[in-house]
Amino acid sequence: MEHYVWLALAATLGTWFVTALGAATVVFFKSPSARALNLMLGFSAGVMIAASFWSLLQPAIQRAEAVGNTPAWLVAVSGFLLGALFLWGSDKAVCFARKRAGMAMPGERMNRIIMLVLSITLHNIPEGLAVGVAFGALGTGASPDGLMGAVSIAVGIGLQNFPEGAAVSLPLRREGCSRRKSFFIGQASGFVEPIAGVLGALLAVYIEAVLPFALSFAAGAMILVAVHELIPECQRNQKAQPYAATMGIVTGFALMMLLDVMLG
């Protein structure tokens, strides 16, 4: 069993590394124009919306149907709504803490950054669990097909993490963070995957039952941030550049959809 835990750790370290590569794209934008920033913010929103369905909700429904203990629609809907409510509650808690502490940073900017990073981090936890469960399940009956399946899941999630890393670092740059800080926070959002991967491998039998709910929960959090924060923010200069942000959303959605559907 320990052998497969180490494999899960190696696989999820690889997915985290791809997240860091995606976050590193912020280095190439030294002084981006307002149009480029809106395009990048729209791209991030498109990535998050697509990932919420193809990477999270669809697998959650499939896994819930396979387990069969609870209706799949109930798992998906309850997890989705609770994920959105959790992030909404987190936003309110941050606002309250700021007022009590008298923080100098503008409230809207601080809340936007925290919600963005929290949503992507929550999204990475069930992805890491999925990789860990796939490798941990080999401990009860290893086979070449099972190993290839686990590797395929890790590769698919890793490739999807590249635009997700950019989806954190680029909006942070848009909010005025330095390139170094944007990259650091962007890659750090993916570091929960190795932790979740090891946990998933250790608890492969038990974690499988709660994974559909965790996937739906992360989807609700991502949709809330994309719709409430990213899309309105990228449309601030809509009159001067009516389609820049919109095309960013379409491009981000299409790229994430391509990766998810093509990699299964």
C-alpha atoms as a PDB file:
ATOM      1  CA  MET A   1       0.000   0.000   0.000  1.00  0.00           C
ATOM      2  CA  GLU A   2       2.845   2.414   0.839  1.00  0.00           C
ATOM      3  CA  HIS A   3       4.150   1.985  -2.700  1.00  0.00           C
ATOM      4  CA  TYR A   4       0.941   3.406  -4.156  1.00  0.00           C
ATOM      5  CA  VAL A   5       0.891   6.268  -1.657  1.00  0.00           C
ATOM      6  CA  TRP A   6       4.317   7.316  -2.935  1.00  0.00           C
ATOM      7  CA  LEU A   7       3.066   7.044  -6.514  1.00  0.00           C
ATOM      8  CA  ALA A   8       0.095   9.256  -5.629  1.00  0.00           C
ATOM      9  CA  LEU A   9       2.441  11.800  -4.057  1.00  0.00           C
ATOM     10  CA  ALA A  10       4.667  11.841  -7.140  1.00  0.00           C
ATOM     11  CA  ALA A  11       1.675  12.210  -9.459  1.00  0.00           C
ATOM     12  CA  THR A  12       0.139  15.094  -7.520  1.00  0.00           C
ATOM     13  CA  LEU A  13       3.494  16.846  -7.203  1.00  0.00           C
ATOM     14  CA  GLY A  14       3.498  16.721 -10.989  1.00  0.00           C
ATOM     15  CA  THR A  15       0.020  18.263 -11.210  1.00  0.00           C
ATOM     16  CA  TRP A  16       1.097  21.000  -8.806  1.00  0.00           C
ATOM     17  CA  PHE A  17       4.174  21.679 -10.952  1.00  0.00           C
ATOM     18  CA  VAL A  18       1.964  22.219 -14.000  1.00  0.00           C
ATOM     19  CA  THR A  19      -0.127  24.663 -11.937  1.00  0.00           C
ATOM     20  CA  ALA A  20       3.085  26.553 -11.180  1.00  0.00           C
ATOM     21  CA  LEU A  21       3.932  26.644 -14.888  1.00  0.00           C
ATOM     22  CA  GLY A  22       0.525  28.145 -15.605  1.00  0.00           C
ATOM     23  CA  ALA A  23       0.968  30.709 -12.850  1.00  0.00           C
ATOM     24  CA  ALA A  24       4.350  31.625 -14.360  1.00  0.00           C
ATOM     25  CA  THR A  25       2.602  33.084 -17.427  1.00  0.00           C
ATOM     26  CA  VAL A  26       2.134  36.244 -15.373  1.00  0.00           C
ATOM     27  CA  VAL A  27       5.878  36.882 -15.707  1.00  0.00           C
ATOM     28  CA  PHE A  28       5.462  37.619 -19.413  1.00  0.00           C
ATOM     29  CA  PHE A  29       3.032  40.491 -18.791  1.00  0.00           C
ATOM     30  CA  LYS A  30       5.207  43.292 -17.440  1.00  0.00           C
ATOM     31  CA  SER A  31       2.975  46.289 -18.164  1.00  0.00           C
ATOM     32  CA  PRO A  32      -0.234  44.949 -19.707  1.00  0.00           C
ATOM     33  CA  SER A  33      -2.793  47.324 -21.138  1.00  0.00           C
ATOM     34  CA  ALA A  34      -6.288  47.640 -19.717  1.00  0.00           C
ATOM     35  CA  ARG A  35      -7.604  45.687 -22.700  1.00  0.00           C
ATOM     36  CA  ALA A  36      -5.120  42.853 -22.136  1.00  0.00           C
ATOM     37  CA  LEU A  37      -5.950  42.748 -18.428  1.00  0.00           C
ATOM     38  CA  ASN A  38      -9.677  42.531 -19.116  1.00  0.00           C
ATOM     39  CA  LEU A  39      -9.009  39.811 -21.684  1.00  0.00           C
ATOM     40  CA  MET A  40      -6.980  37.827 -19.150  1.00  0.00           C
ATOM     41  CA  LEU A  41      -9.601  38.283 -16.450  1.00  0.00           C
ATOM     42  CA  GLY A  42     -12.288  37.098 -18.859  1.00  0.00           C
ATOM     43  CA  PHE A  43     -10.091  34.129 -19.767  1.00  0.00           C
ATOM     44  CA  SER A  44      -9.885  33.204 -16.082  1.00  0.00           C
ATOM     45  CA  ALA A  45     -13.662  33.400 -15.736  1.00  0.00           C
ATOM     46  CA  GLY A  46     -14.156  31.176 -18.782  1.00  0.00           C
ATOM     47  CA  VAL A  47     -11.694  28.599 -17.430  1.00  0.00           C
ATOM     48  CA  MET A  48     -13.450  28.502 -14.063  1.00  0.00           C
ATOM     49  CA  ILE A  49     -16.954  28.161 -15.541  1.00  0.00           C
ATOM     50  CA  ALA A  50     -15.903  25.317 -17.845  1.00  0.00           C
ATOM     51  CA  ALA A  51     -13.923  23.559 -15.101  1.00  0.00           C
ATOM     52  CA  SER A  52     -16.870  23.765 -12.727  1.00  0.00           C
ATOM     53  CA  PHE A  53     -18.869  21.510 -15.029  1.00  0.00           C
ATOM     54  CA  TRP A  54     -16.477  19.239 -16.925  1.00  0.00           C
ATOM     55  CA  SER A  55     -13.868  18.848 -14.175  1.00  0.00           C
ATOM     56  CA  LEU A  56     -16.198  18.880 -11.182  1.00  0.00           C
ATOM     57  CA  LEU A  57     -19.972  18.528 -11.636  1.00  0.00           C
ATOM     58  CA  GLN A  58     -19.956  15.918 -14.398  1.00  0.00           C
ATOM     59  CA  PRO A  59     -17.474  13.624 -12.586  1.00  0.00           C
ATOM     60  CA  ALA A  60     -19.397  14.190  -9.342  1.00  0.00           C
ATOM     61  CA  ILE A  61     -22.637  12.994 -10.927  1.00  0.00           C
ATOM     62  CA  GLN A  62     -20.935   9.980 -12.509  1.00  0.00           C
ATOM     63  CA  ARG A  63     -19.259   8.969  -9.255  1.00  0.00           C
ATOM     64  CA  ALA A  64     -22.464   9.468  -7.260  1.00  0.00           C
ATOM     65  CA  GLU A  65     -24.350   7.233  -9.694  1.00  0.00           C
ATOM     66  CA  ALA A  66     -21.643   4.576  -9.395  1.00  0.00           C
ATOM     67  CA  VAL A  67     -21.782   4.589  -5.594  1.00  0.00           C
ATOM     68  CA  GLY A  68     -25.586   4.528  -5.648  1.00  0.00           C
ATOM     69  CA  ASN A  69     -26.200   5.182  -1.942  1.00  0.00           C
ATOM     70  CA  THR A  70     -27.674   8.674  -2.486  1.00  0.00           C
ATOM     71  CA  PRO A  71     -29.428  10.067  -5.584  1.00  0.00           C
ATOM     72  CA  ALA A  72     -26.856  11.703  -7.841  1.00  0.00           C
ATOM     73  CA  TRP A  73     -28.956  14.835  -8.296  1.00  0.00           C
ATOM     74  CA  LEU A  74     -29.158  15.340  -4.534  1.00  0.00           C
ATOM     75  CA  VAL A  75     -25.394  15.031  -4.100  1.00  0.00           C
ATOM     76  CA  ALA A  76     -24.663  17.409  -6.976  1.00  0.00           C
ATOM     77  CA  VAL A  77     -27.223  20.071  -6.066  1.00  0.00           C
ATOM     78  CA  SER A  78     -26.572  20.068  -2.315  1.00  0.00           C
ATOM     79  CA  GLY A  79     -22.805  20.140  -2.760  1.00  0.00           C
ATOM     80  CA  PHE A  80     -23.034  22.907  -5.368  1.00  0.00           C
ATOM     81  CA  LEU A  81     -25.263  25.121  -3.221  1.00  0.00           C
ATOM     82  CA  LEU A  82     -23.227  24.558  -0.072  1.00  0.00           C
ATOM     83  CA  GLY A  83     -20.032  25.421  -1.944  1.00  0.00           C
ATOM     84  CA  ALA A  84     -21.526  28.730  -3.070  1.00  0.00           C
ATOM     85  CA  LEU A  85     -22.879  29.438   0.416  1.00  0.00           C
ATOM     86  CA  PHE A  86     -19.513  28.614   1.972  1.00  0.00           C
ATOM     87  CA  LEU A  87     -17.707  31.147  -0.193  1.00  0.00           C
ATOM     88  CA  TRP A  88     -20.426  33.743   0.377  1.00  0.00           C
ATOM     89  CA  GLY A  89     -20.062  33.207   4.131  1.00  0.00           C
ATOM     90  CA  SER A  90     -16.286  33.454   3.805  1.00  0.00           C
ATOM     91  CA  ASP A  91     -16.652  36.785   2.032  1.00  0.00           C
ATOM     92  CA  LYS A  92     -18.869  38.109   4.825  1.00  0.00           C
ATOM     93  CA  ALA A  93     -16.397  36.865   7.443  1.00  0.00           C
ATOM     94  CA  VAL A  94     -13.512  38.623   5.689  1.00  0.00           C
ATOM     95  CA  CYS A  95     -15.491  41.875   5.565  1.00  0.00           C
ATOM     96  CA  PHE A  96     -16.261  41.616   9.270  1.00  0.00           C
ATOM     97  CA  ALA A  97     -12.626  40.828  10.152  1.00  0.00           C
ATOM     98  CA  ARG A  98     -11.414  43.776   8.090  1.00  0.00           C
ATOM     99  CA  LYS A  99     -13.716  46.187   9.871  1.00  0.00           C
ATOM    100  CA  ARG A 100     -12.626  44.900  13.255  1.00  0.00           C
ATOM    101  CA  ALA A 101      -8.927  45.074  12.348  1.00  0.00           C
ATOM    102  CA  GLY A 102      -9.145  48.405  10.482  1.00  0.00           C
ATOM    103  CA  MET A 103      -7.191  47.140   7.486  1.00  0.00           C
ATOM    104  CA  ALA A 104      -5.929  49.762   5.053  1.00  0.00           C
ATOM    105  CA  MET A 105      -6.304  47.788   1.829  1.00  0.00           C
ATOM    106  CA  PRO A 106      -9.544  48.564  -0.017  1.00  0.00           C
ATOM    107  CA  GLY A 107     -12.203  46.068   1.007  1.00  0.00           C
ATOM    108  CA  GLU A 108     -13.392  45.106  -2.459  1.00  0.00           C
ATOM    109  CA  ARG A 109      -9.886  44.342  -3.674  1.00  0.00           C
ATOM    110  CA  MET A 110      -8.985  42.272  -0.608  1.00  0.00           C
ATOM    111  CA  ASN A 111     -12.241  40.309  -0.737  1.00  0.00           C
ATOM    112  CA  ARG A 112     -11.856  39.643  -4.459  1.00  0.00           C
ATOM    113  CA  ILE A 113      -8.328  38.267  -4.032  1.00  0.00           C
ATOM    114  CA  ILE A 114      -9.293  36.037  -1.100  1.00  0.00           C
ATOM    115  CA  MET A 115     -12.383  34.659  -2.844  1.00  0.00           C
ATOM    116  CA  LEU A 116     -10.465  33.928  -6.030  1.00  0.00           C
ATOM    117  CA  VAL A 117      -7.624  32.073  -4.303  1.00  0.00           C
ATOM    118  CA  LEU A 118     -10.002  30.207  -1.990  1.00  0.00           C
ATOM    119  CA  SER A 119     -12.209  29.016  -4.848  1.00  0.00           C
ATOM    120  CA  ILE A 120      -9.311  27.652  -6.920  1.00  0.00           C
ATOM    121  CA  THR A 121      -7.776  26.046  -3.826  1.00  0.00           C
ATOM    122  CA  LEU A 122     -11.079  24.340  -2.974  1.00  0.00           C
ATOM    123  CA  HIS A 123     -11.256  23.151  -6.565  1.00  0.00           C
ATOM    124  CA  ASN A 124      -7.775  21.592  -6.346  1.00  0.00           C
ATOM    125  CA  ILE A 125      -8.574  19.577  -3.221  1.00  0.00           C
ATOM    126  CA  PRO A 126     -11.048  17.138  -4.857  1.00  0.00           C
ATOM    127  CA  GLU A 127      -8.793  16.915  -7.914  1.00  0.00           C
ATOM    128  CA  GLY A 128      -5.919  15.794  -5.683  1.00  0.00           C
ATOM    129  CA  LEU A 129      -8.265  13.375  -3.924  1.00  0.00           C
ATOM    130  CA  ALA A 130      -9.309  11.923  -7.281  1.00  0.00           C
ATOM    131  CA  VAL A 131      -5.687  11.202  -8.225  1.00  0.00           C
ATOM    132  CA  GLY A 132      -4.939   9.766  -4.777  1.00  0.00           C
ATOM    133  CA  VAL A 133      -7.998   7.515  -4.816  1.00  0.00           C
ATOM    134  CA  ALA A 134      -7.068   6.231  -8.291  1.00  0.00           C
ATOM    135  CA  PHE A 135      -3.586   5.203  -7.117  1.00  0.00           C
ATOM    136  CA  GLY A 136      -4.730   4.039  -3.682  1.00  0.00           C
ATOM    137  CA  ALA A 137      -7.282   1.698  -5.250  1.00  0.00           C
ATOM    138  CA  LEU A 138      -4.392  -0.181  -6.865  1.00  0.00           C
ATOM    139  CA  GLY A 139      -3.417  -1.391  -3.415  1.00  0.00           C
ATOM    140  CA  THR A 140      -6.476  -3.665  -3.312  1.00  0.00           C
ATOM    141  CA  GLY A 141      -5.988  -5.094  -6.786  1.00  0.00           C
ATOM    142  CA  ALA A 142      -3.248  -3.733  -9.013  1.00  0.00           C
ATOM    143  CA  SER A 143      -3.411  -4.297 -12.761  1.00  0.00           C
ATOM    144  CA  PRO A 144      -1.760  -2.734 -15.809  1.00  0.00           C
ATOM    145  CA  ASP A 145      -5.103  -1.271 -16.890  1.00  0.00           C
ATOM    146  CA  GLY A 146      -5.709   0.177 -13.442  1.00  0.00           C
ATOM    147  CA  LEU A 147      -2.260   1.732 -13.335  1.00  0.00           C
ATOM    148  CA  MET A 148      -2.696   3.260 -16.787  1.00  0.00           C
ATOM    149  CA  GLY A 149      -6.083   4.600 -15.720  1.00  0.00           C
ATOM    150  CA  ALA A 150      -4.575   6.266 -12.640  1.00  0.00           C
ATOM    151  CA  VAL A 151      -1.758   7.758 -14.713  1.00  0.00           C
ATOM    152  CA  SER A 152      -4.274   9.037 -17.264  1.00  0.00           C
ATOM    153  CA  ILE A 153      -6.264  10.787 -14.537  1.00  0.00           C
ATOM    154  CA  ALA A 154      -3.096  12.435 -13.210  1.00  0.00           C
ATOM    155  CA  VAL A 155      -1.999  13.551 -16.688  1.00  0.00           C
ATOM    156  CA  GLY A 156      -5.462  14.897 -17.509  1.00  0.00           C
ATOM    157  CA  ILE A 157      -5.723  16.868 -14.287  1.00  0.00           C
ATOM    158  CA  GLY A 158      -2.162  18.120 -14.699  1.00  0.00           C
ATOM    159  CA  LEU A 159      -2.822  19.518 -18.174  1.00  0.00           C
ATOM    160  CA  GLN A 160      -6.010  21.167 -16.959  1.00  0.00           C
ATOM    161  CA  ASN A 161      -4.045  22.797 -14.144  1.00  0.00           C
ATOM    162  CA  PHE A 162      -1.992  24.911 -16.543  1.00  0.00           C
ATOM    163  CA  PRO A 163      -4.821  27.330 -17.418  1.00  0.00           C
ATOM    164  CA  GLU A 164      -6.048  27.138 -13.818  1.00  0.00           C
ATOM    165  CA  GLY A 165      -2.694  28.396 -12.559  1.00  0.00           C
ATOM    166  CA  ALA A 166      -2.999  31.308 -14.964  1.00  0.00           C
ATOM    167  CA  ALA A 167      -6.589  31.805 -13.788  1.00  0.00           C
ATOM    168  CA  VAL A 168      -5.218  32.762 -10.361  1.00  0.00           C
ATOM    169  CA  SER A 169      -2.027  34.659 -11.155  1.00  0.00           C
ATOM    170  CA  LEU A 170      -3.383  36.811 -13.999  1.00  0.00           C
ATOM    171  CA  PRO A 171      -6.365  38.238 -12.063  1.00  0.00           C
ATOM    172  CA  LEU A 172      -4.079  38.928  -9.106  1.00  0.00           C
ATOM    173  CA  ARG A 173      -1.873  40.931 -11.460  1.00  0.00           C
ATOM    174  CA  ARG A 174      -5.027  42.704 -12.606  1.00  0.00           C
ATOM    175  CA  GLU A 175      -5.722  43.629  -8.983  1.00  0.00           C
ATOM    176  CA  GLY A 176      -2.323  45.329  -8.684  1.00  0.00           C
ATOM    177  CA  CYS A 177      -0.198  42.561  -7.142  1.00  0.00           C
ATOM    178  CA  SER A 178       3.419  42.309  -8.295  1.00  0.00           C
ATOM    179  CA  ARG A 179       4.393  39.622 -10.792  1.00  0.00           C
ATOM    180  CA  ARG A 180       6.356  37.762  -8.110  1.00  0.00           C
ATOM    181  CA  LYS A 181       3.495  37.800  -5.623  1.00  0.00           C
ATOM    182  CA  SER A 182       0.956  36.839  -8.296  1.00  0.00           C
ATOM    183  CA  PHE A 183       3.081  33.850  -9.316  1.00  0.00           C
ATOM    184  CA  PHE A 184       3.695  32.761  -5.724  1.00  0.00           C
ATOM    185  CA  ILE A 185       0.000  32.803  -4.800  1.00  0.00           C
ATOM    186  CA  GLY A 186      -0.950  31.191  -8.116  1.00  0.00           C
ATOM    187  CA  GLN A 187       1.349  28.204  -7.659  1.00  0.00           C
ATOM    188  CA  ALA A 188       0.535  27.934  -3.960  1.00  0.00           C
ATOM    189  CA  SER A 189      -3.146  27.402  -4.813  1.00  0.00           C
ATOM    190  CA  GLY A 190      -2.167  24.062  -6.364  1.00  0.00           C
ATOM    191  CA  PHE A 191       0.013  22.826  -3.518  1.00  0.00           C
ATOM    192  CA  VAL A 192      -3.025  21.365  -1.763  1.00  0.00           C
ATOM    193  CA  GLU A 193      -3.155  18.676  -4.463  1.00  0.00           C
ATOM    194  CA  PRO A 194      -0.177  16.625  -3.153  1.00  0.00           C
ATOM    195  CA  ILE A 195      -1.638  16.795   0.363  1.00  0.00           C
ATOM    196  CA  ALA A 196      -5.066  15.722  -0.856  1.00  0.00           C
ATOM    197  CA  GLY A 197      -3.490  13.077  -3.095  1.00  0.00           C
ATOM    198  CA  VAL A 198      -1.715  11.375  -0.201  1.00  0.00           C
ATOM    199  CA  LEU A 199      -4.883  11.566   1.891  1.00  0.00           C
ATOM    200  CA  GLY A 200      -6.917  10.074  -0.944  1.00  0.00           C
ATOM    201  CA  ALA A 201      -4.454   7.201  -1.399  1.00  0.00           C
ATOM    202  CA  LEU A 202      -4.461   6.425   2.331  1.00  0.00           C
ATOM    203  CA  LEU A 203      -8.253   6.518   2.545  1.00  0.00           C
ATOM    204  CA  ALA A 204      -9.031   5.152  -0.915  1.00  0.00           C
ATOM    205  CA  VAL A 205     -11.891   2.992   0.293  1.00  0.00           C
ATOM    206  CA  TYR A 206     -13.514   5.595   2.549  1.00  0.00           C
ATOM    207  CA  ILE A 207     -12.917   8.805   0.589  1.00  0.00           C
ATOM    208  CA  GLU A 208     -14.646   7.471  -2.533  1.00  0.00           C
ATOM    209  CA  ALA A 209     -18.055   7.967  -0.914  1.00  0.00           C
ATOM    210  CA  VAL A 210     -17.558  11.684  -0.155  1.00  0.00           C
ATOM    211  CA  LEU A 211     -15.639  12.597  -3.316  1.00  0.00           C
ATOM    212  CA  PRO A 212     -18.786  13.387  -5.396  1.00  0.00           C
ATOM    213  CA  PHE A 213     -19.945  15.862  -2.753  1.00  0.00           C
ATOM    214  CA  ALA A 214     -16.469  17.455  -2.565  1.00  0.00           C
ATOM    215  CA  LEU A 215     -16.394  17.892  -6.348  1.00  0.00           C
ATOM    216  CA  SER A 216     -19.843  19.545  -6.374  1.00  0.00           C
ATOM    217  CA  PHE A 217     -18.886  21.742  -3.426  1.00  0.00           C
ATOM    218  CA  ALA A 218     -15.845  23.064  -5.303  1.00  0.00           C
ATOM    219  CA  ALA A 219     -17.972  23.707  -8.402  1.00  0.00           C
ATOM    220  CA  GLY A 220     -20.378  25.907  -6.454  1.00  0.00           C
ATOM    221  CA  ALA A 221     -17.506  27.936  -5.047  1.00  0.00           C
ATOM    222  CA  MET A 222     -15.958  28.448  -8.493  1.00  0.00           C
ATOM    223  CA  ILE A 223     -19.204  29.541 -10.138  1.00  0.00           C
ATOM    224  CA  LEU A 224     -19.869  32.076  -7.380  1.00  0.00           C
ATOM    225  CA  VAL A 225     -16.469  33.721  -7.869  1.00  0.00           C
ATOM    226  CA  ALA A 226     -16.641  33.667 -11.678  1.00  0.00           C
ATOM    227  CA  VAL A 227     -20.125  35.193 -11.860  1.00  0.00           C
ATOM    228  CA  HIS A 228     -19.996  37.532  -8.871  1.00  0.00           C
ATOM    229  CA  GLU A 229     -16.428  38.811  -9.109  1.00  0.00           C
ATOM    230  CA  LEU A 230     -14.533  38.031 -12.308  1.00  0.00           C
ATOM    231  CA  ILE A 231     -17.149  38.671 -15.006  1.00  0.00           C
ATOM    232  CA  PRO A 232     -18.322  42.050 -13.648  1.00  0.00           C
ATOM    233  CA  GLU A 233     -14.705  43.126 -13.098  1.00  0.00           C
ATOM    234  CA  CYS A 234     -13.567  42.273 -16.635  1.00  0.00           C
ATOM    235  CA  GLN A 235     -16.486  44.222 -18.107  1.00  0.00           C
ATOM    236  CA  ARG A 236     -15.566  47.557 -16.518  1.00  0.00           C
ATOM    237  CA  ASN A 237     -14.424  49.066 -19.858  1.00  0.00           C
ATOM    238  CA  GLN A 238     -17.151  47.461 -21.911  1.00  0.00           C
ATOM    239  CA  LYS A 239     -18.099  50.661 -23.762  1.00  0.00           C
ATOM    240  CA  ALA A 240     -14.573  51.365 -24.990  1.00  0.00           C
ATOM    241  CA  GLN A 241     -13.746  47.700 -25.700  1.00  0.00           C
ATOM    242  CA  PRO A 242     -17.087  45.889 -25.954  1.00  0.00           C
ATOM    243  CA  TYR A 243     -15.820  42.414 -26.849  1.00  0.00           C
ATOM    244  CA  ALA A 244     -12.314  42.135 -25.351  1.00  0.00           C
ATOM    245  CA  ALA A 245     -13.398  40.549 -22.065  1.00  0.00           C
ATOM    246  CA  THR A 246     -16.172  38.550 -23.728  1.00  0.00           C
ATOM    247  CA  MET A 247     -13.736  36.924 -26.133  1.00  0.00           C
ATOM    248  CA  GLY A 248     -11.482  36.152 -23.179  1.00  0.00           C
ATOM    249  CA  ILE A 249     -14.374  34.318 -21.489  1.00  0.00           C
ATOM    250  CA  VAL A 250     -15.180  32.397 -24.678  1.00  0.00           C
ATOM    251  CA  THR A 251     -11.514  31.477 -25.233  1.00  0.00           C
ATOM    252  CA  GLY A 252     -10.972  30.336 -21.637  1.00  0.00           C
ATOM    253  CA  PHE A 253     -14.166  28.288 -21.677  1.00  0.00           C
ATOM    254  CA  ALA A 254     -13.301  26.682 -25.031  1.00  0.00           C
ATOM    255  CA  LEU A 255      -9.745  25.796 -23.973  1.00  0.00           C
ATOM    256  CA  MET A 256     -10.857  24.214 -20.714  1.00  0.00           C
ATOM    257  CA  MET A 257     -13.686  22.355 -22.449  1.00  0.00           C
ATOM    258  CA  LEU A 258     -11.229  21.053 -25.057  1.00  0.00           C
ATOM    259  CA  LEU A 259      -8.826  19.761 -22.408  1.00  0.00           C
ATOM    260  CA  ASP A 260     -11.540  18.178 -20.277  1.00  0.00           C
ATOM    261  CA  VAL A 261     -13.395  16.484 -23.125  1.00  0.00           C
ATOM    262  CA  MET A 262     -10.280  15.416 -25.022  1.00  0.00           C
ATOM    263  CA  LEU A 263      -8.573  13.998 -21.923  1.00  0.00           C
ATOM    264  CA  GLY A 264     -11.733  12.491 -20.486  1.00  0.00           C
END
